[in-house]
PDB file of N, CA and C in Angstrom:
ATOM      1  N   UNK A   1     108.302 127.759  86.377  1.00  0.00           N
ATOM      2  CA  UNK A   1     107.223 127.083  87.076  1.00  0.00           C
ATOM      3  C   UNK A   1     106.790 125.808  86.331  1.00  0.00           C
ATOM      4  N   UNK A   2     106.732 125.895  85.014  1.00  0.00           N
ATOM      5  CA  UNK A   2     106.344 124.730  84.212  1.00  0.00           C
ATOM      6  C   UNK A   2     107.356 123.601  84.391  1.00  0.00           C
ATOM      7  N   UNK A   3     108.640 123.946  84.435  1.00  0.00           N
ATOM      8  CA  UNK A   3     109.692 122.950  84.633  1.00  0.00           C
ATOM      9  C   UNK A   3     109.526 122.248  85.978  1.00  0.00           C
ATOM     10  N   UNK A   4     109.197 122.997  87.013  1.00  0.00           N
ATOM     11  CA  UNK A   4     109.010 122.421  88.352  1.00  0.00           C
ATOM     12  C   UNK A   4     107.823 121.467  88.365  1.00  0.00           C
ATOM     13  N   UNK A   5     106.719 121.881  87.768  1.00  0.00           N
ATOM     14  CA  UNK A   5     105.531 121.018  87.706  1.00  0.00           C
ATOM     15  C   UNK A   5     105.847 119.743  86.934  1.00  0.00           C
ATOM     16  N   UNK A   6     106.521 119.879  85.799  1.00  0.00           N
ATOM     17  CA  UNK A   6     106.904 118.711  85.006  1.00  0.00           C
ATOM     18  C   UNK A   6     107.837 117.781  85.760  1.00  0.00           C
ATOM     19  N   UNK A   7     108.758 118.350  86.498  1.00  0.00           N
ATOM     20  CA  UNK A   7     109.701 117.545  87.279  1.00  0.00           C
ATOM     21  C   UNK A   7     108.999 116.781  88.394  1.00  0.00           C
ATOM     22  N   UNK A   8     108.095 117.450  89.091  1.00  0.00           N
ATOM     23  CA  UNK A   8     107.338 116.789  90.162  1.00  0.00           C
ATOM     24  C   UNK A   8     106.463 115.680  89.587  1.00  0.00           C
ATOM     25  N   UNK A   9     105.797 115.954  88.476  1.00  0.00           N
ATOM     26  CA  UNK A   9     104.966 114.934  87.824  1.00  0.00           C
ATOM     27  C   UNK A   9     105.814 113.741  87.396  1.00  0.00           C
ATOM     28  N   UNK A  10     106.994 114.006  86.869  1.00  0.00           N
ATOM     29  CA  UNK A  10     107.894 112.938  86.429  1.00  0.00           C
ATOM     30  C   UNK A  10     108.305 112.052  87.596  1.00  0.00           C
ATOM     31  N   UNK A  11     108.618 112.661  88.724  1.00  0.00           N
ATOM     32  CA  UNK A  11     109.009 111.886  89.906  1.00  0.00           C
ATOM     33  C   UNK A  11     107.852 111.005  90.369  1.00  0.00           C
ATOM     34  N   UNK A  12     106.659 111.582  90.490  1.00  0.00           N
ATOM     35  CA  UNK A  12     105.515 110.816  90.981  1.00  0.00           C
ATOM     36  C   UNK A  12     105.132 109.673  90.042  1.00  0.00           C
ATOM     37  N   UNK A  13     105.092 109.922  88.740  1.00  0.00           N
ATOM     38  CA  UNK A  13     104.692 108.850  87.822  1.00  0.00           C
ATOM     39  C   UNK A  13     105.745 107.751  87.734  1.00  0.00           C
ATOM     40  N   UNK A  14     107.004 108.112  87.891  1.00  0.00           N
ATOM     41  CA  UNK A  14     108.065 107.105  87.873  1.00  0.00           C
ATOM     42  C   UNK A  14     108.054 106.274  89.146  1.00  0.00           C
ATOM     43  N   UNK A  15     107.971 106.928  90.280  1.00  0.00           N
ATOM     44  CA  UNK A  15     107.977 106.230  91.571  1.00  0.00           C
ATOM     45  C   UNK A  15     106.721 105.374  91.737  1.00  0.00           C
ATOM     46  N   UNK A  16     105.608 105.791  91.152  1.00  0.00           N
ATOM     47  CA  UNK A  16     104.356 105.038  91.267  1.00  0.00           C
ATOM     48  C   UNK A  16     104.478 103.633  90.680  1.00  0.00           C
ATOM     49  N   UNK A  17     105.366 103.449  89.730  1.00  0.00           N
ATOM     50  CA  UNK A  17     105.555 102.155  89.070  1.00  0.00           C
ATOM     51  C   UNK A  17     106.412 101.203  89.902  1.00  0.00           C
ATOM     52  N   UNK A  18     107.213 101.753  90.788  1.00  0.00           N
ATOM     53  CA  UNK A  18     108.179 100.972  91.558  1.00  0.00           C
ATOM     54  C   UNK A  18     107.569  99.878  92.438  1.00  0.00           C
ATOM     55  N   UNK A  19     106.477 100.118  93.178  1.00  0.00           N
ATOM     56  CA  UNK A  19     105.922  99.053  94.025  1.00  0.00           C
ATOM     57  C   UNK A  19     105.537  97.788  93.246  1.00  0.00           C
ATOM     58  N   UNK A  20     105.033  97.958  92.029  1.00  0.00           N
ATOM     59  CA  UNK A  20     104.669  96.789  91.219  1.00  0.00           C
ATOM     60  C   UNK A  20     105.904  95.984  90.843  1.00  0.00           C
ATOM     61  N   UNK A  21     106.969  96.670  90.503  1.00  0.00           N
ATOM     62  CA  UNK A  21     108.215  95.997  90.135  1.00  0.00           C
ATOM     63  C   UNK A  21     108.786  95.248  91.336  1.00  0.00           C
ATOM     64  N   UNK A  22     108.798  95.891  92.485  1.00  0.00           N
ATOM     65  CA  UNK A  22     109.318  95.260  93.705  1.00  0.00           C
ATOM     66  C   UNK A  22     108.477  94.043  94.069  1.00  0.00           C
ATOM     67  N   UNK A  23     107.157  94.179  93.998  1.00  0.00           N
ATOM     68  CA  UNK A  23     106.263  93.065  94.331  1.00  0.00           C
ATOM     69  C   UNK A  23     106.491  91.878  93.394  1.00  0.00           C
ATOM     70  N   UNK A  24     106.570  92.143  92.101  1.00  0.00           N
ATOM     71  CA  UNK A  24     106.787  91.066  91.130  1.00  0.00           C
ATOM     72  C   UNK A  24     108.153  90.417  91.333  1.00  0.00           C
ATOM     73  N   UNK A  25     109.150  91.222  91.651  1.00  0.00           N
ATOM     74  CA  UNK A  25     110.500  90.693  91.883  1.00  0.00           C
ATOM     75  C   UNK A  25     110.527  89.772  93.102  1.00  0.00           C
ATOM     76  N   UNK A  26     109.921  90.217  94.193  1.00  0.00           N
ATOM     77  CA  UNK A  26     109.945  89.438  95.432  1.00  0.00           C
ATOM     78  C   UNK A  26     109.086  88.186  95.345  1.00  0.00           C
ATOM     79  N   UNK A  27     107.895  88.308  94.780  1.00  0.00           N
ATOM     80  CA  UNK A  27     106.955  87.182  94.768  1.00  0.00           C
ATOM     81  C   UNK A  27     107.203  86.214  93.613  1.00  0.00           C
ATOM     82  N   UNK A  28     107.873  86.682  92.576  1.00  0.00           N
ATOM     83  CA  UNK A  28     108.066  85.905  91.352  1.00  0.00           C
ATOM     84  C   UNK A  28     106.725  85.442  90.791  1.00  0.00           C
ATOM     85  N   UNK A  29     105.701  86.256  91.022  1.00  0.00           N
ATOM     86  CA  UNK A  29     104.350  85.956  90.547  1.00  0.00           C
ATOM     87  C   UNK A  29     103.908  87.093  89.631  1.00  0.00           C
ATOM     88  N   UNK A  30     103.729  86.786  88.354  1.00  0.00           N
ATOM     89  CA  UNK A  30     103.349  87.815  87.386  1.00  0.00           C
ATOM     90  C   UNK A  30     102.136  87.412  86.559  1.00  0.00           C
ATOM     91  N   UNK A  31     101.454  86.362  86.980  1.00  0.00           N
ATOM     92  CA  UNK A  31     100.320  85.861  86.210  1.00  0.00           C
ATOM     93  C   UNK A  31      99.251  86.933  85.991  1.00  0.00           C
ATOM     94  N   UNK A  32      99.035  87.778  86.988  1.00  0.00           N
ATOM     95  CA  UNK A  32      97.985  88.785  86.892  1.00  0.00           C
ATOM     96  C   UNK A  32      98.384  90.016  86.081  1.00  0.00           C
ATOM     97  N   UNK A  33      99.637  90.096  85.667  1.00  0.00           N
ATOM     98  CA  UNK A  33     100.063  91.219  84.840  1.00  0.00           C
ATOM     99  C   UNK A  33      99.717  90.943  83.384  1.00  0.00           C
ATOM    100  N   UNK A  34      99.142  91.920  82.730  1.00  0.00           N
ATOM    101  CA  UNK A  34      98.762  91.784  81.332  1.00  0.00           C
ATOM    102  C   UNK A  34      99.974  92.002  80.427  1.00  0.00           C
ATOM    103  N   UNK A  35     100.263  91.011  79.602  1.00  0.00           N
ATOM    104  CA  UNK A  35     101.375  91.117  78.659  1.00  0.00           C
ATOM    105  C   UNK A  35     101.113  92.238  77.652  1.00  0.00           C
ATOM    106  N   UNK A  36      99.876  92.334  77.187  1.00  0.00           N
ATOM    107  CA  UNK A  36      99.519  93.382  76.220  1.00  0.00           C
ATOM    108  C   UNK A  36      99.737  94.766  76.835  1.00  0.00           C
ATOM    109  N   UNK A  37      99.336  94.934  78.089  1.00  0.00           N
ATOM    110  CA  UNK A  37      99.522  96.211  78.768  1.00  0.00           C
ATOM    111  C   UNK A  37     101.004  96.553  78.867  1.00  0.00           C
ATOM    112  N   UNK A  38     101.829  95.574  79.219  1.00  0.00           N
ATOM    113  CA  UNK A  38     103.266  95.820  79.349  1.00  0.00           C
ATOM    114  C   UNK A  38     103.889  96.213  78.012  1.00  0.00           C
ATOM    115  N   UNK A  39     103.494  95.542  76.941  1.00  0.00           N
ATOM    116  CA  UNK A  39     104.035  95.853  75.617  1.00  0.00           C
ATOM    117  C   UNK A  39     103.582  97.245  75.171  1.00  0.00           C
ATOM    118  N   UNK A  40     102.306  97.559  75.384  1.00  0.00           N
ATOM    119  CA  UNK A  40     101.799  98.882  75.015  1.00  0.00           C
ATOM    120  C   UNK A  40     102.483  99.981  75.830  1.00  0.00           C
ATOM    121  N   UNK A  41     102.681  99.727  77.109  1.00  0.00           N
ATOM    122  CA  UNK A  41     103.373 100.685  77.963  1.00  0.00           C
ATOM    123  C   UNK A  41     104.811 100.868  77.491  1.00  0.00           C
ATOM    124  N   UNK A  42     105.453  99.784  77.136  1.00  0.00           N
ATOM    125  CA  UNK A  42     106.829  99.827  76.645  1.00  0.00           C
ATOM    126  C   UNK A  42     106.936 100.717  75.400  1.00  0.00           C
ATOM    127  N   UNK A  43     106.032 100.521  74.456  1.00  0.00           N
ATOM    128  CA  UNK A  43     106.028 101.338  73.235  1.00  0.00           C
ATOM    129  C   UNK A  43     105.802 102.811  73.588  1.00  0.00           C
ATOM    130  N   UNK A  44     104.839 103.065  74.468  1.00  0.00           N
ATOM    131  CA  UNK A  44     104.569 104.436  74.887  1.00  0.00           C
ATOM    132  C   UNK A  44     105.764 105.089  75.557  1.00  0.00           C
ATOM    133  N   UNK A  45     106.452 104.344  76.395  1.00  0.00           N
ATOM    134  CA  UNK A  45     107.627 104.879  77.089  1.00  0.00           C
ATOM    135  C   UNK A  45     108.771 105.182  76.123  1.00  0.00           C
ATOM    136  N   UNK A  46     108.948 104.328  75.134  1.00  0.00           N
ATOM    137  CA  UNK A  46     109.970 104.597  74.113  1.00  0.00           C
ATOM    138  C   UNK A  46     109.624 105.893  73.375  1.00  0.00           C
ATOM    139  N   UNK A  47     108.356 106.034  72.993  1.00  0.00           N
ATOM    140  CA  UNK A  47     107.936 107.238  72.275  1.00  0.00           C
ATOM    141  C   UNK A  47     108.069 108.491  73.141  1.00  0.00           C
ATOM    142  N   UNK A  48     107.706 108.400  74.422  1.00  0.00           N
ATOM    143  CA  UNK A  48     107.872 109.535  75.339  1.00  0.00           C
ATOM    144  C   UNK A  48     109.344 109.913  75.472  1.00  0.00           C
ATOM    145  N   UNK A  49     110.209 108.915  75.526  1.00  0.00           N
ATOM    146  CA  UNK A  49     111.643 109.188  75.641  1.00  0.00           C
ATOM    147  C   UNK A  49     112.156 109.904  74.391  1.00  0.00           C
ATOM    148  N   UNK A  50     111.748 109.429  73.229  1.00  0.00           N
ATOM    149  CA  UNK A  50     112.146 110.075  71.973  1.00  0.00           C
ATOM    150  C   UNK A  50     111.613 111.509  71.929  1.00  0.00           C
ATOM    151  N   UNK A  51     110.370 111.692  72.333  1.00  0.00           N
ATOM    152  CA  UNK A  51     109.761 113.019  72.399  1.00  0.00           C
ATOM    153  C   UNK A  51     110.573 113.931  73.320  1.00  0.00           C
ATOM    154  N   UNK A  52     110.935 113.421  74.479  1.00  0.00           N
ATOM    155  CA  UNK A  52     111.749 114.190  75.418  1.00  0.00           C
ATOM    156  C   UNK A  52     113.098 114.560  74.836  1.00  0.00           C
ATOM    157  N   UNK A  53     113.685 113.649  74.065  1.00  0.00           N
ATOM    158  CA  UNK A  53     114.967 113.938  73.414  1.00  0.00           C
ATOM    159  C   UNK A  53     114.826 115.060  72.390  1.00  0.00           C
ATOM    160  N   UNK A  54     113.737 115.036  71.619  1.00  0.00           N
ATOM    161  CA  UNK A  54     113.503 116.111  70.651  1.00  0.00           C
ATOM    162  C   UNK A  54     113.335 117.458  71.344  1.00  0.00           C
ATOM    163  N   UNK A  55     112.651 117.455  72.488  1.00  0.00           N
ATOM    164  CA  UNK A  55     112.432 118.696  73.234  1.00  0.00           C
ATOM    165  C   UNK A  55     113.621 119.066  74.118  1.00  0.00           C
ATOM    166  N   UNK A  56     114.548 118.131  74.278  1.00  0.00           N
ATOM    167  CA  UNK A  56     115.671 118.302  75.206  1.00  0.00           C
ATOM    168  C   UNK A  56     115.151 118.577  76.623  1.00  0.00           C
ATOM    169  N   UNK A  57     114.129 117.816  77.002  1.00  0.00           N
ATOM    170  CA  UNK A  57     113.492 117.979  78.311  1.00  0.00           C
ATOM    171  C   UNK A  57     114.002 116.898  79.254  1.00  0.00           C
ATOM    172  N   UNK A  58     114.865 117.291  80.170  1.00  0.00           N
ATOM    173  CA  UNK A  58     115.473 116.338  81.093  1.00  0.00           C
ATOM    174  C   UNK A  58     114.443 115.582  81.937  1.00  0.00           C
ATOM    175  N   UNK A  59     113.407 116.244  82.487  1.00  0.00           N
ATOM    176  CA  UNK A  59     112.421 115.482  83.272  1.00  0.00           C
ATOM    177  C   UNK A  59     111.729 114.389  82.452  1.00  0.00           C
ATOM    178  N   UNK A  60     111.368 114.698  81.221  1.00  0.00           N
ATOM    179  CA  UNK A  60     110.706 113.702  80.366  1.00  0.00           C
ATOM    180  C   UNK A  60     111.670 112.573  80.033  1.00  0.00           C
ATOM    181  N   UNK A  61     112.882 112.918  79.684  1.00  0.00           N
ATOM    182  CA  UNK A  61     113.876 111.907  79.316  1.00  0.00           C
ATOM    183  C   UNK A  61     114.183 110.987  80.494  1.00  0.00           C
ATOM    184  N   UNK A  62     114.496 111.559  81.637  1.00  0.00           N
ATOM    185  CA  UNK A  62     114.871 110.750  82.804  1.00  0.00           C
ATOM    186  C   UNK A  62     113.720 109.890  83.302  1.00  0.00           C
ATOM    187  N   UNK A  63     112.556 110.499  83.469  1.00  0.00           N
ATOM    188  CA  UNK A  63     111.409 109.756  84.000  1.00  0.00           C
ATOM    189  C   UNK A  63     111.057 108.577  83.106  1.00  0.00           C
ATOM    190  N   UNK A  64     111.020 108.811  81.814  1.00  0.00           N
ATOM    191  CA  UNK A  64     110.611 107.743  80.912  1.00  0.00           C
ATOM    192  C   UNK A  64     111.697 106.708  80.692  1.00  0.00           C
ATOM    193  N   UNK A  65     112.955 107.099  80.767  1.00  0.00           N
ATOM    194  CA  UNK A  65     114.043 106.132  80.664  1.00  0.00           C
ATOM    195  C   UNK A  65     114.061 105.210  81.881  1.00  0.00           C
ATOM    196  N   UNK A  66     113.875 105.785  83.057  1.00  0.00           N
ATOM    197  CA  UNK A  66     113.841 104.976  84.285  1.00  0.00           C
ATOM    198  C   UNK A  66     112.631 104.047  84.279  1.00  0.00           C
ATOM    199  N   UNK A  67     111.471 104.590  83.915  1.00  0.00           N
ATOM    200  CA  UNK A  67     110.260 103.767  83.865  1.00  0.00           C
ATOM    201  C   UNK A  67     110.379 102.704  82.777  1.00  0.00           C
ATOM    202  N   UNK A  68     111.021 103.037  81.678  1.00  0.00           N
ATOM    203  CA  UNK A  68     111.266 102.073  80.606  1.00  0.00           C
ATOM    204  C   UNK A  68     112.108 100.910  81.110  1.00  0.00           C
ATOM    205  N   UNK A  69     113.134 101.204  81.884  1.00  0.00           N
ATOM    206  CA  UNK A  69     113.973 100.143  82.454  1.00  0.00           C
ATOM    207  C   UNK A  69     113.155  99.249  83.383  1.00  0.00           C
ATOM    208  N   UNK A  70     112.304  99.859  84.206  1.00  0.00           N
ATOM    209  CA  UNK A  70     111.458  99.066  85.102  1.00  0.00           C
ATOM    210  C   UNK A  70     110.461  98.226  84.311  1.00  0.00           C
ATOM    211  N   UNK A  71     109.913  98.797  83.254  1.00  0.00           N
ATOM    212  CA  UNK A  71     108.961  98.066  82.418  1.00  0.00           C
ATOM    213  C   UNK A  71     109.643  96.887  81.723  1.00  0.00           C
ATOM    214  N   UNK A  72     110.846  97.099  81.232  1.00  0.00           N
ATOM    215  CA  UNK A  72     111.595  96.002  80.608  1.00  0.00           C
ATOM    216  C   UNK A  72     111.861  94.882  81.613  1.00  0.00           C
ATOM    217  N   UNK A  73     112.210  95.259  82.833  1.00  0.00           N
ATOM    218  CA  UNK A  73     112.449  94.251  83.869  1.00  0.00           C
ATOM    219  C   UNK A  73     111.158  93.505  84.199  1.00  0.00           C
ATOM    220  N   UNK A  74     110.055  94.231  84.283  1.00  0.00           N
ATOM    221  CA  UNK A  74     108.763  93.603  84.549  1.00  0.00           C
ATOM    222  C   UNK A  74     108.373  92.669  83.403  1.00  0.00           C
ATOM    223  N   UNK A  75     108.644  93.074  82.181  1.00  0.00           N
ATOM    224  CA  UNK A  75     108.377  92.219  81.023  1.00  0.00           C
ATOM    225  C   UNK A  75     109.244  90.964  81.077  1.00  0.00           C
ATOM    226  N   UNK A  76     110.494  91.110  81.465  1.00  0.00           N
ATOM    227  CA  UNK A  76     111.387  89.964  81.650  1.00  0.00           C
ATOM    228  C   UNK A  76     110.810  89.002  82.692  1.00  0.00           C
ATOM    229  N   UNK A  77     110.364  89.554  83.829  1.00  0.00           N
ATOM    230  CA  UNK A  77     109.772  88.710  84.877  1.00  0.00           C
ATOM    231  C   UNK A  77     108.505  88.031  84.377  1.00  0.00           C
ATOM    232  N   UNK A  78     107.708  88.747  83.607  1.00  0.00           N
ATOM    233  CA  UNK A  78     106.470  88.185  83.058  1.00  0.00           C
ATOM    234  C   UNK A  78     106.788  87.006  82.144  1.00  0.00           C
ATOM    235  N   UNK A  79     107.776  87.159  81.306  1.00  0.00           N
ATOM    236  CA  UNK A  79     108.161  86.074  80.398  1.00  0.00           C
ATOM    237  C   UNK A  79     108.762  84.907  81.182  1.00  0.00           C
ATOM    238  N   UNK A  80     109.574  85.209  82.175  1.00  0.00           N
ATOM    239  CA  UNK A  80     110.236  84.167  82.961  1.00  0.00           C
ATOM    240  C   UNK A  80     109.255  83.381  83.831  1.00  0.00           C
ATOM    241  N   UNK A  81     108.358  84.085  84.515  1.00  0.00           N
ATOM    242  CA  UNK A  81     107.475  83.428  85.482  1.00  0.00           C
ATOM    243  C   UNK A  81     106.044  83.230  84.985  1.00  0.00           C
ATOM    244  N   UNK A  82     105.737  83.770  83.832  1.00  0.00           N
ATOM    245  CA  UNK A  82     104.420  83.562  83.245  1.00  0.00           C
ATOM    246  C   UNK A  82     103.352  84.332  83.900  1.00  0.00           C
TER     247      UNK A  82
END
């Protein structure tokens, strides 16, 4: 049961980030995104991924790796478009 709850939470938190990435990609407008927030989120996602690796928890590893990739792309867009 715990695995199912963790998996559902992982899906929702990962998918919740997607609309922001799509919006920034399409509009090429990232002025309102906080650079500090993106960097802090990036660090947190790296740590969550490492934590998931230590626990060998697939939901934690997958969710945070996918969100990490989206965060890196958003950071790239932020740097590119300001």
